[in-house]
Amino acid sequence: MADHTHVLFVEDDDVIREATQLALERVGFRVTAMPDGLSGLEAFRADRPDIALLDVMVPGMDGVSLCRRIRDESTVPVIMLSARADSIDVVLGLEAGADDYVTKPFDGSVLVARIRAVLRRFGHAAGAQGARAAEEPSGGAVEADGLLRFGDLDLDTEGMVVRRAGTPVALTPTEMRLLLEFSAAPGTVLSRDKLLERVWDYGWGGDTRVVDVHVQRLRAKIGQERIETVRGFGYKLRA
């Protein structure tokens, strides 16, 4: 099935880069493959891809720095590729703004599935998620026309706009999805596994660090006190 998604792939290993590019093109993706971070940034600015796959360890500009530069300019989804699942680079990449990560070596079909999962939640699920957040009970926070209010935080679930004390807050699509999940049930504890399933579309066990780092990033934008940690269980939005 044809898939016109444009993927920017930055990887310095020639064998991995060529094999992965072929695997992605085989399922219909259009791939721009670059061997280093500087050329990857140039390609991103020139082509504006739909998604970026960035290896952590690339020359010129490492993948974490490249992710940070991309995130300064765009909310395009970013997946980091790391050789070690327990690497500090994974957390650094997520803190820099990556939406997910895949550990090398990886199976081509697994990478394709993760790419499609990210694109689904970016391209299609946000609207349905916002509708669900507006329809479900919200602890008295719901206002007219899909506006949810939590203290000084306003969430427009129809326009996908967040304001804090009247000032717009710039959220990535993943951060917005996370906030929508919390706002659909304020005061209710959501486990990390449940958030992985609902926000990241993981039908299997995933790394809960992805959730923790994104909650940290969301807190920095909407207020540290707004999302409460319930030790041993998960997180909840303070109503």
C-alpha atoms as a PDB file:
ATOM      1  CA  MET A   1       0.000   0.000   0.000  1.00  0.00           C
ATOM      2  CA  ALA A   2       1.379   3.360  -0.993  1.00  0.00           C
ATOM      3  CA  ASP A   3       2.259   5.709   1.810  1.00  0.00           C
ATOM      4  CA  HIS A   4       3.462   9.167   0.822  1.00  0.00           C
ATOM      5  CA  THR A   5       4.890   9.984   4.248  1.00  0.00           C
ATOM      6  CA  HIS A   6       8.236  11.743   3.982  1.00  0.00           C
ATOM      7  CA  VAL A   7      10.807  10.453   6.475  1.00  0.00           C
ATOM      8  CA  LEU A   8      14.077  12.184   7.339  1.00  0.00           C
ATOM      9  CA  PHE A   9      16.544   9.525   8.465  1.00  0.00           C
ATOM     10  CA  VAL A  10      19.887  10.551   9.984  1.00  0.00           C
ATOM     11  CA  GLU A  11      22.339   7.670  10.506  1.00  0.00           C
ATOM     12  CA  ASP A  12      26.117   7.588  10.031  1.00  0.00           C
ATOM     13  CA  ASP A  13      26.487   3.816   9.564  1.00  0.00           C
ATOM     14  CA  ASP A  14      26.329   3.233   5.801  1.00  0.00           C
ATOM     15  CA  VAL A  15      24.992  -0.324   6.058  1.00  0.00           C
ATOM     16  CA  ILE A  16      22.245   0.538   8.545  1.00  0.00           C
ATOM     17  CA  ARG A  17      21.315   3.694   6.673  1.00  0.00           C
ATOM     18  CA  GLU A  18      20.977   1.966   3.305  1.00  0.00           C
ATOM     19  CA  ALA A  19      19.197  -1.126   4.659  1.00  0.00           C
ATOM     20  CA  THR A  20      16.740   0.920   6.690  1.00  0.00           C
ATOM     21  CA  GLN A  21      16.059   3.279   3.822  1.00  0.00           C
ATOM     22  CA  LEU A  22      15.235   0.324   1.570  1.00  0.00           C
ATOM     23  CA  ALA A  23      12.968  -1.202   4.222  1.00  0.00           C
ATOM     24  CA  LEU A  24      11.048   2.048   4.641  1.00  0.00           C
ATOM     25  CA  GLU A  25      10.781   2.677   0.908  1.00  0.00           C
ATOM     26  CA  ARG A  26       9.547  -0.880   0.414  1.00  0.00           C
ATOM     27  CA  VAL A  27       6.394  -0.057   2.377  1.00  0.00           C
ATOM     28  CA  GLY A  28       5.892   3.214   0.512  1.00  0.00           C
ATOM     29  CA  PHE A  29       7.631   5.858   2.616  1.00  0.00           C
ATOM     30  CA  ARG A  30       9.648   8.544   0.873  1.00  0.00           C
ATOM     31  CA  VAL A  31      13.016   8.717   2.617  1.00  0.00           C
ATOM     32  CA  THR A  32      15.703  11.383   2.762  1.00  0.00           C
ATOM     33  CA  ALA A  33      18.757   9.753   4.352  1.00  0.00           C
ATOM     34  CA  MET A  34      21.648  11.796   5.710  1.00  0.00           C
ATOM     35  CA  PRO A  35      24.961  10.658   7.284  1.00  0.00           C
ATOM     36  CA  ASP A  36      25.452  13.399   9.879  1.00  0.00           C
ATOM     37  CA  GLY A  37      23.604  15.924  11.989  1.00  0.00           C
ATOM     38  CA  LEU A  38      24.530  19.053  10.041  1.00  0.00           C
ATOM     39  CA  SER A  39      23.330  17.668   6.711  1.00  0.00           C
ATOM     40  CA  GLY A  40      20.271  16.316   8.523  1.00  0.00           C
ATOM     41  CA  LEU A  41      19.396  19.799   9.782  1.00  0.00           C
ATOM     42  CA  GLU A  42      19.841  21.249   6.306  1.00  0.00           C
ATOM     43  CA  ALA A  43      17.590  18.546   4.848  1.00  0.00           C
ATOM     44  CA  PHE A  44      14.967  19.172   7.514  1.00  0.00           C
ATOM     45  CA  ARG A  45      14.876  22.883   6.783  1.00  0.00           C
ATOM     46  CA  ALA A  46      14.791  22.342   3.027  1.00  0.00           C
ATOM     47  CA  ASP A  47      12.226  19.539   2.858  1.00  0.00           C
ATOM     48  CA  ARG A  48      10.107  19.779   6.029  1.00  0.00           C
ATOM     49  CA  PRO A  49       9.544  16.005   6.393  1.00  0.00           C
ATOM     50  CA  ASP A  50       6.551  14.418   8.108  1.00  0.00           C
ATOM     51  CA  ILE A  51       8.698  12.624  10.672  1.00  0.00           C
ATOM     52  CA  ALA A  52      12.382  12.481  11.658  1.00  0.00           C
ATOM     53  CA  LEU A  53      14.374   9.382  12.685  1.00  0.00           C
ATOM     54  CA  LEU A  54      17.581  10.452  14.401  1.00  0.00           C
ATOM     55  CA  ASP A  55      20.409   8.227  15.534  1.00  0.00           C
ATOM     56  CA  VAL A  56      21.797   9.473  18.841  1.00  0.00           C
ATOM     57  CA  MET A  57      25.459   9.122  17.861  1.00  0.00           C
ATOM     58  CA  VAL A  58      26.069  10.886  14.565  1.00  0.00           C
ATOM     59  CA  PRO A  59      29.002  13.172  13.666  1.00  0.00           C
ATOM     60  CA  GLY A  60      28.927  16.926  13.164  1.00  0.00           C
ATOM     61  CA  MET A  61      25.893  17.462  15.387  1.00  0.00           C
ATOM     62  CA  ASP A  62      24.713  14.587  17.568  1.00  0.00           C
ATOM     63  CA  GLY A  63      21.153  13.355  17.391  1.00  0.00           C
ATOM     64  CA  VAL A  64      20.118  14.932  20.688  1.00  0.00           C
ATOM     65  CA  SER A  65      21.336  18.367  19.602  1.00  0.00           C
ATOM     66  CA  LEU A  66      19.673  17.919  16.218  1.00  0.00           C
ATOM     67  CA  CYS A  67      16.407  16.963  17.919  1.00  0.00           C
ATOM     68  CA  ARG A  68      16.609  20.093  20.034  1.00  0.00           C
ATOM     69  CA  ARG A  69      17.177  22.269  16.943  1.00  0.00           C
ATOM     70  CA  ILE A  70      14.256  20.650  15.151  1.00  0.00           C
ATOM     71  CA  ARG A  71      12.009  21.105  18.163  1.00  0.00           C
ATOM     72  CA  ASP A  72      12.929  24.808  18.314  1.00  0.00           C
ATOM     73  CA  GLU A  73      11.514  25.173  14.813  1.00  0.00           C
ATOM     74  CA  SER A  74       8.769  22.589  14.512  1.00  0.00           C
ATOM     75  CA  THR A  75       6.433  20.147  16.259  1.00  0.00           C
ATOM     76  CA  VAL A  76       7.146  17.448  13.653  1.00  0.00           C
ATOM     77  CA  PRO A  77       7.334  14.018  15.356  1.00  0.00           C
ATOM     78  CA  VAL A  78      10.820  12.768  16.207  1.00  0.00           C
ATOM     79  CA  ILE A  79      11.911   9.206  16.982  1.00  0.00           C
ATOM     80  CA  MET A  80      15.391   8.674  18.411  1.00  0.00           C
ATOM     81  CA  LEU A  81      17.455   5.582  17.591  1.00  0.00           C
ATOM     82  CA  SER A  82      19.770   4.380  20.337  1.00  0.00           C
ATOM     83  CA  ALA A  83      22.153   1.436  20.532  1.00  0.00           C
ATOM     84  CA  ARG A  84      21.388   0.877  24.223  1.00  0.00           C
ATOM     85  CA  ALA A  85      17.981   0.733  25.895  1.00  0.00           C
ATOM     86  CA  ASP A  86      19.469   1.862  29.215  1.00  0.00           C
ATOM     87  CA  SER A  87      21.526   4.671  27.735  1.00  0.00           C
ATOM     88  CA  ILE A  88      21.320   8.109  29.291  1.00  0.00           C
ATOM     89  CA  ASP A  89      21.112   9.296  25.693  1.00  0.00           C
ATOM     90  CA  VAL A  90      17.561   7.952  25.531  1.00  0.00           C
ATOM     91  CA  VAL A  91      16.449  10.235  28.349  1.00  0.00           C
ATOM     92  CA  LEU A  92      18.432  13.145  26.929  1.00  0.00           C
ATOM     93  CA  GLY A  93      16.716  12.657  23.577  1.00  0.00           C
ATOM     94  CA  LEU A  94      13.278  12.622  25.169  1.00  0.00           C
ATOM     95  CA  GLU A  95      14.106  15.700  27.214  1.00  0.00           C
ATOM     96  CA  ALA A  96      15.250  17.419  24.017  1.00  0.00           C
ATOM     97  CA  GLY A  97      11.764  16.909  22.571  1.00  0.00           C
ATOM     98  CA  ALA A  98      11.724  13.446  20.978  1.00  0.00           C
ATOM     99  CA  ASP A  99       8.353  11.692  21.016  1.00  0.00           C
ATOM    100  CA  ASP A 100       9.609   8.113  21.169  1.00  0.00           C
ATOM    101  CA  TYR A 101      12.709   5.994  20.725  1.00  0.00           C
ATOM    102  CA  VAL A 102      13.667   2.647  19.188  1.00  0.00           C
ATOM    103  CA  THR A 103      16.606   0.528  20.335  1.00  0.00           C
ATOM    104  CA  LYS A 104      19.147  -0.767  17.829  1.00  0.00           C
ATOM    105  CA  PRO A 105      19.405  -3.326  16.388  1.00  0.00           C
ATOM    106  CA  PHE A 106      15.770  -3.174  15.330  1.00  0.00           C
ATOM    107  CA  ASP A 107      13.573  -5.176  13.004  1.00  0.00           C
ATOM    108  CA  GLY A 108      12.351  -3.189  10.004  1.00  0.00           C
ATOM    109  CA  SER A 109       8.731  -4.145  10.623  1.00  0.00           C
ATOM    110  CA  VAL A 110       8.956  -2.963  14.229  1.00  0.00           C
ATOM    111  CA  LEU A 111      10.346   0.395  13.137  1.00  0.00           C
ATOM    112  CA  VAL A 112       7.582   0.778  10.552  1.00  0.00           C
ATOM    113  CA  ALA A 113       4.963  -0.034  13.198  1.00  0.00           C
ATOM    114  CA  ARG A 114       6.386   2.564  15.593  1.00  0.00           C
ATOM    115  CA  ILE A 115       6.502   5.204  12.843  1.00  0.00           C
ATOM    116  CA  ARG A 116       2.885   4.534  11.928  1.00  0.00           C
ATOM    117  CA  ALA A 117       1.838   4.614  15.580  1.00  0.00           C
ATOM    118  CA  VAL A 118       3.415   8.053  16.007  1.00  0.00           C
ATOM    119  CA  LEU A 119       1.849   9.344  12.797  1.00  0.00           C
ATOM    120  CA  ARG A 120      -1.589   8.004  13.784  1.00  0.00           C
ATOM    121  CA  ARG A 121      -1.638   9.894  17.039  1.00  0.00           C
ATOM    122  CA  PHE A 122      -0.275  13.039  15.385  1.00  0.00           C
ATOM    123  CA  GLY A 123      -2.516  13.028  12.370  1.00  0.00           C
ATOM    124  CA  HIS A 124      -5.769  11.449  13.361  1.00  0.00           C
ATOM    125  CA  ALA A 125      -6.250  10.677  17.036  1.00  0.00           C
ATOM    126  CA  ALA A 126      -5.981  14.180  18.485  1.00  0.00           C
ATOM    127  CA  GLY A 127      -9.382  15.243  17.201  1.00  0.00           C
ATOM    128  CA  ALA A 128     -11.137  12.160  18.505  1.00  0.00           C
ATOM    129  CA  GLN A 129      -9.255  12.431  21.761  1.00  0.00           C
ATOM    130  CA  GLY A 130     -10.324  16.025  22.190  1.00  0.00           C
ATOM    131  CA  ALA A 131     -13.927  15.077  21.527  1.00  0.00           C
ATOM    132  CA  ARG A 132     -13.736  12.352  24.145  1.00  0.00           C
ATOM    133  CA  ALA A 133     -12.206  14.757  26.650  1.00  0.00           C
ATOM    134  CA  ALA A 134     -15.061  17.190  26.088  1.00  0.00           C
ATOM    135  CA  GLU A 135     -17.785  14.524  26.325  1.00  0.00           C
ATOM    136  CA  GLU A 136     -16.589  12.620  29.374  1.00  0.00           C
ATOM    137  CA  PRO A 137     -17.192  13.826  32.940  1.00  0.00           C
ATOM    138  CA  SER A 138     -14.541  16.351  33.880  1.00  0.00           C
ATOM    139  CA  GLY A 139     -15.032  17.070  37.559  1.00  0.00           C
ATOM    140  CA  GLY A 140     -16.928  20.317  36.918  1.00  0.00           C
ATOM    141  CA  ALA A 141     -14.147  21.856  34.834  1.00  0.00           C
ATOM    142  CA  VAL A 142     -15.991  21.836  31.513  1.00  0.00           C
ATOM    143  CA  GLU A 143     -17.228  25.123  30.112  1.00  0.00           C
ATOM    144  CA  ALA A 144     -19.119  25.860  26.905  1.00  0.00           C
ATOM    145  CA  ASP A 145     -17.891  24.896  23.434  1.00  0.00           C
ATOM    146  CA  GLY A 146     -15.311  22.349  24.573  1.00  0.00           C
ATOM    147  CA  LEU A 147     -13.431  24.671  26.911  1.00  0.00           C
ATOM    148  CA  LEU A 148     -11.958  22.994  29.986  1.00  0.00           C
ATOM    149  CA  ARG A 149     -10.700  25.097  32.876  1.00  0.00           C
ATOM    150  CA  PHE A 150      -8.402  24.017  35.690  1.00  0.00           C
ATOM    151  CA  GLY A 151      -7.418  26.983  37.811  1.00  0.00           C
ATOM    152  CA  ASP A 152      -5.442  29.330  35.561  1.00  0.00           C
ATOM    153  CA  LEU A 153      -5.199  26.652  32.842  1.00  0.00           C
ATOM    154  CA  ASP A 154      -7.657  26.742  29.924  1.00  0.00           C
ATOM    155  CA  LEU A 155      -7.864  23.929  27.366  1.00  0.00           C
ATOM    156  CA  ASP A 156      -9.875  24.425  24.194  1.00  0.00           C
ATOM    157  CA  THR A 157     -10.509  20.844  23.061  1.00  0.00           C
ATOM    158  CA  GLU A 158     -12.026  21.974  19.756  1.00  0.00           C
ATOM    159  CA  GLY A 159      -9.369  24.455  18.726  1.00  0.00           C
ATOM    160  CA  MET A 160      -6.555  22.459  20.399  1.00  0.00           C
ATOM    161  CA  VAL A 161      -5.320  25.583  22.170  1.00  0.00           C
ATOM    162  CA  VAL A 162      -3.951  25.767  25.701  1.00  0.00           C
ATOM    163  CA  ARG A 163      -3.621  28.972  27.707  1.00  0.00           C
ATOM    164  CA  ARG A 164      -2.129  29.545  31.124  1.00  0.00           C
ATOM    165  CA  ALA A 165      -3.250  32.747  32.826  1.00  0.00           C
ATOM    166  CA  GLY A 166      -4.412  33.899  29.400  1.00  0.00           C
ATOM    167  CA  THR A 167      -1.065  33.310  27.706  1.00  0.00           C
ATOM    168  CA  PRO A 168      -0.914  30.653  24.936  1.00  0.00           C
ATOM    169  CA  VAL A 169       1.164  27.583  25.789  1.00  0.00           C
ATOM    170  CA  ALA A 170       2.997  25.850  22.937  1.00  0.00           C
ATOM    171  CA  LEU A 171       2.635  22.079  23.276  1.00  0.00           C
ATOM    172  CA  THR A 172       3.862  19.382  20.954  1.00  0.00           C
ATOM    173  CA  PRO A 173       1.149  17.002  19.690  1.00  0.00           C
ATOM    174  CA  THR A 174       2.338  14.324  22.122  1.00  0.00           C
ATOM    175  CA  GLU A 175       2.176  16.750  25.045  1.00  0.00           C
ATOM    176  CA  MET A 176      -1.302  17.789  23.914  1.00  0.00           C
ATOM    177  CA  ARG A 177      -2.434  14.164  23.761  1.00  0.00           C
ATOM    178  CA  LEU A 178      -1.082  13.617  27.247  1.00  0.00           C
ATOM    179  CA  LEU A 179      -2.894  16.676  28.605  1.00  0.00           C
ATOM    180  CA  LEU A 180      -6.128  15.574  26.927  1.00  0.00           C
ATOM    181  CA  GLU A 181      -5.912  12.213  28.675  1.00  0.00           C
ATOM    182  CA  PHE A 182      -5.465  13.878  32.037  1.00  0.00           C
ATOM    183  CA  SER A 183      -8.206  16.437  31.414  1.00  0.00           C
ATOM    184  CA  ALA A 184     -10.706  13.737  30.426  1.00  0.00           C
ATOM    185  CA  ALA A 185     -10.645  12.493  34.022  1.00  0.00           C
ATOM    186  CA  PRO A 186      -9.223  15.105  36.416  1.00  0.00           C
ATOM    187  CA  GLY A 187      -8.492  13.731  39.852  1.00  0.00           C
ATOM    188  CA  THR A 188      -8.277  10.186  38.499  1.00  0.00           C
ATOM    189  CA  VAL A 189      -4.928   8.420  38.722  1.00  0.00           C
ATOM    190  CA  LEU A 190      -3.660   7.197  35.349  1.00  0.00           C
ATOM    191  CA  SER A 191      -0.945   4.557  35.411  1.00  0.00           C
ATOM    192  CA  ARG A 192       2.123   4.802  33.222  1.00  0.00           C
ATOM    193  CA  ASP A 193       1.064   1.668  31.351  1.00  0.00           C
ATOM    194  CA  LYS A 194      -2.372   3.147  30.654  1.00  0.00           C
ATOM    195  CA  LEU A 195      -0.803   6.347  29.357  1.00  0.00           C
ATOM    196  CA  LEU A 196       1.566   4.357  27.144  1.00  0.00           C
ATOM    197  CA  GLU A 197      -1.436   2.552  25.694  1.00  0.00           C
ATOM    198  CA  ARG A 198      -3.605   5.624  25.169  1.00  0.00           C
ATOM    199  CA  VAL A 199      -1.063   8.273  24.175  1.00  0.00           C
ATOM    200  CA  TRP A 200       1.723   6.254  22.551  1.00  0.00           C
ATOM    201  CA  ASP A 201      -0.538   3.550  21.110  1.00  0.00           C
ATOM    202  CA  TYR A 202       1.525   0.781  22.694  1.00  0.00           C
ATOM    203  CA  GLY A 203      -0.387  -2.479  22.586  1.00  0.00           C
ATOM    204  CA  TRP A 204       2.621  -4.019  24.291  1.00  0.00           C
ATOM    205  CA  GLY A 205       4.828  -3.141  27.231  1.00  0.00           C
ATOM    206  CA  GLY A 206       6.863  -0.010  26.721  1.00  0.00           C
ATOM    207  CA  ASP A 207       9.507   1.999  28.515  1.00  0.00           C
ATOM    208  CA  THR A 208       7.768   4.101  31.158  1.00  0.00           C
ATOM    209  CA  ARG A 209      10.606   6.631  30.987  1.00  0.00           C
ATOM    210  CA  VAL A 210       8.840   7.949  27.894  1.00  0.00           C
ATOM    211  CA  VAL A 211       5.852   8.840  30.064  1.00  0.00           C
ATOM    212  CA  ASP A 212       7.911  10.262  32.926  1.00  0.00           C
ATOM    213  CA  VAL A 213       9.929  12.597  30.701  1.00  0.00           C
ATOM    214  CA  HIS A 214       6.856  13.840  28.855  1.00  0.00           C
ATOM    215  CA  VAL A 215       5.044  14.509  32.131  1.00  0.00           C
ATOM    216  CA  GLN A 216       8.114  16.462  33.232  1.00  0.00           C
ATOM    217  CA  ARG A 217       8.046  18.493  30.015  1.00  0.00           C
ATOM    218  CA  LEU A 218       4.294  19.097  30.319  1.00  0.00           C
ATOM    219  CA  ARG A 219       4.638  20.237  33.937  1.00  0.00           C
ATOM    220  CA  ALA A 220       7.291  22.767  32.940  1.00  0.00           C
ATOM    221  CA  LYS A 221       4.767  24.349  30.565  1.00  0.00           C
ATOM    222  CA  ILE A 222       1.478  24.212  32.469  1.00  0.00           C
ATOM    223  CA  GLY A 223       2.736  24.398  36.062  1.00  0.00           C
ATOM    224  CA  GLN A 224       4.593  21.920  38.219  1.00  0.00           C
ATOM    225  CA  GLU A 225       1.712  21.666  40.674  1.00  0.00           C
ATOM    226  CA  ARG A 226      -0.929  20.903  38.054  1.00  0.00           C
ATOM    227  CA  ILE A 227       0.019  17.224  37.590  1.00  0.00           C
ATOM    228  CA  GLU A 228       0.470  15.244  40.789  1.00  0.00           C
ATOM    229  CA  THR A 229       2.615  12.120  41.162  1.00  0.00           C
ATOM    230  CA  VAL A 230       0.883   9.302  43.038  1.00  0.00           C
ATOM    231  CA  ARG A 231       3.760   7.096  44.109  1.00  0.00           C
ATOM    232  CA  GLY A 232       3.453   3.505  43.011  1.00  0.00           C
ATOM    233  CA  PHE A 233       0.443   4.212  40.807  1.00  0.00           C
ATOM    234  CA  GLY A 234       0.964   6.987  38.293  1.00  0.00           C
ATOM    235  CA  TYR A 235      -0.136  10.576  37.742  1.00  0.00           C
ATOM    236  CA  LYS A 236      -3.303  12.640  38.026  1.00  0.00           C
ATOM    237  CA  LEU A 237      -4.427  16.105  37.015  1.00  0.00           C
ATOM    238  CA  ARG A 238      -5.461  18.237  39.955  1.00  0.00           C
ATOM    239  CA  ALA A 239      -9.041  19.294  39.382  1.00  0.00           C
END
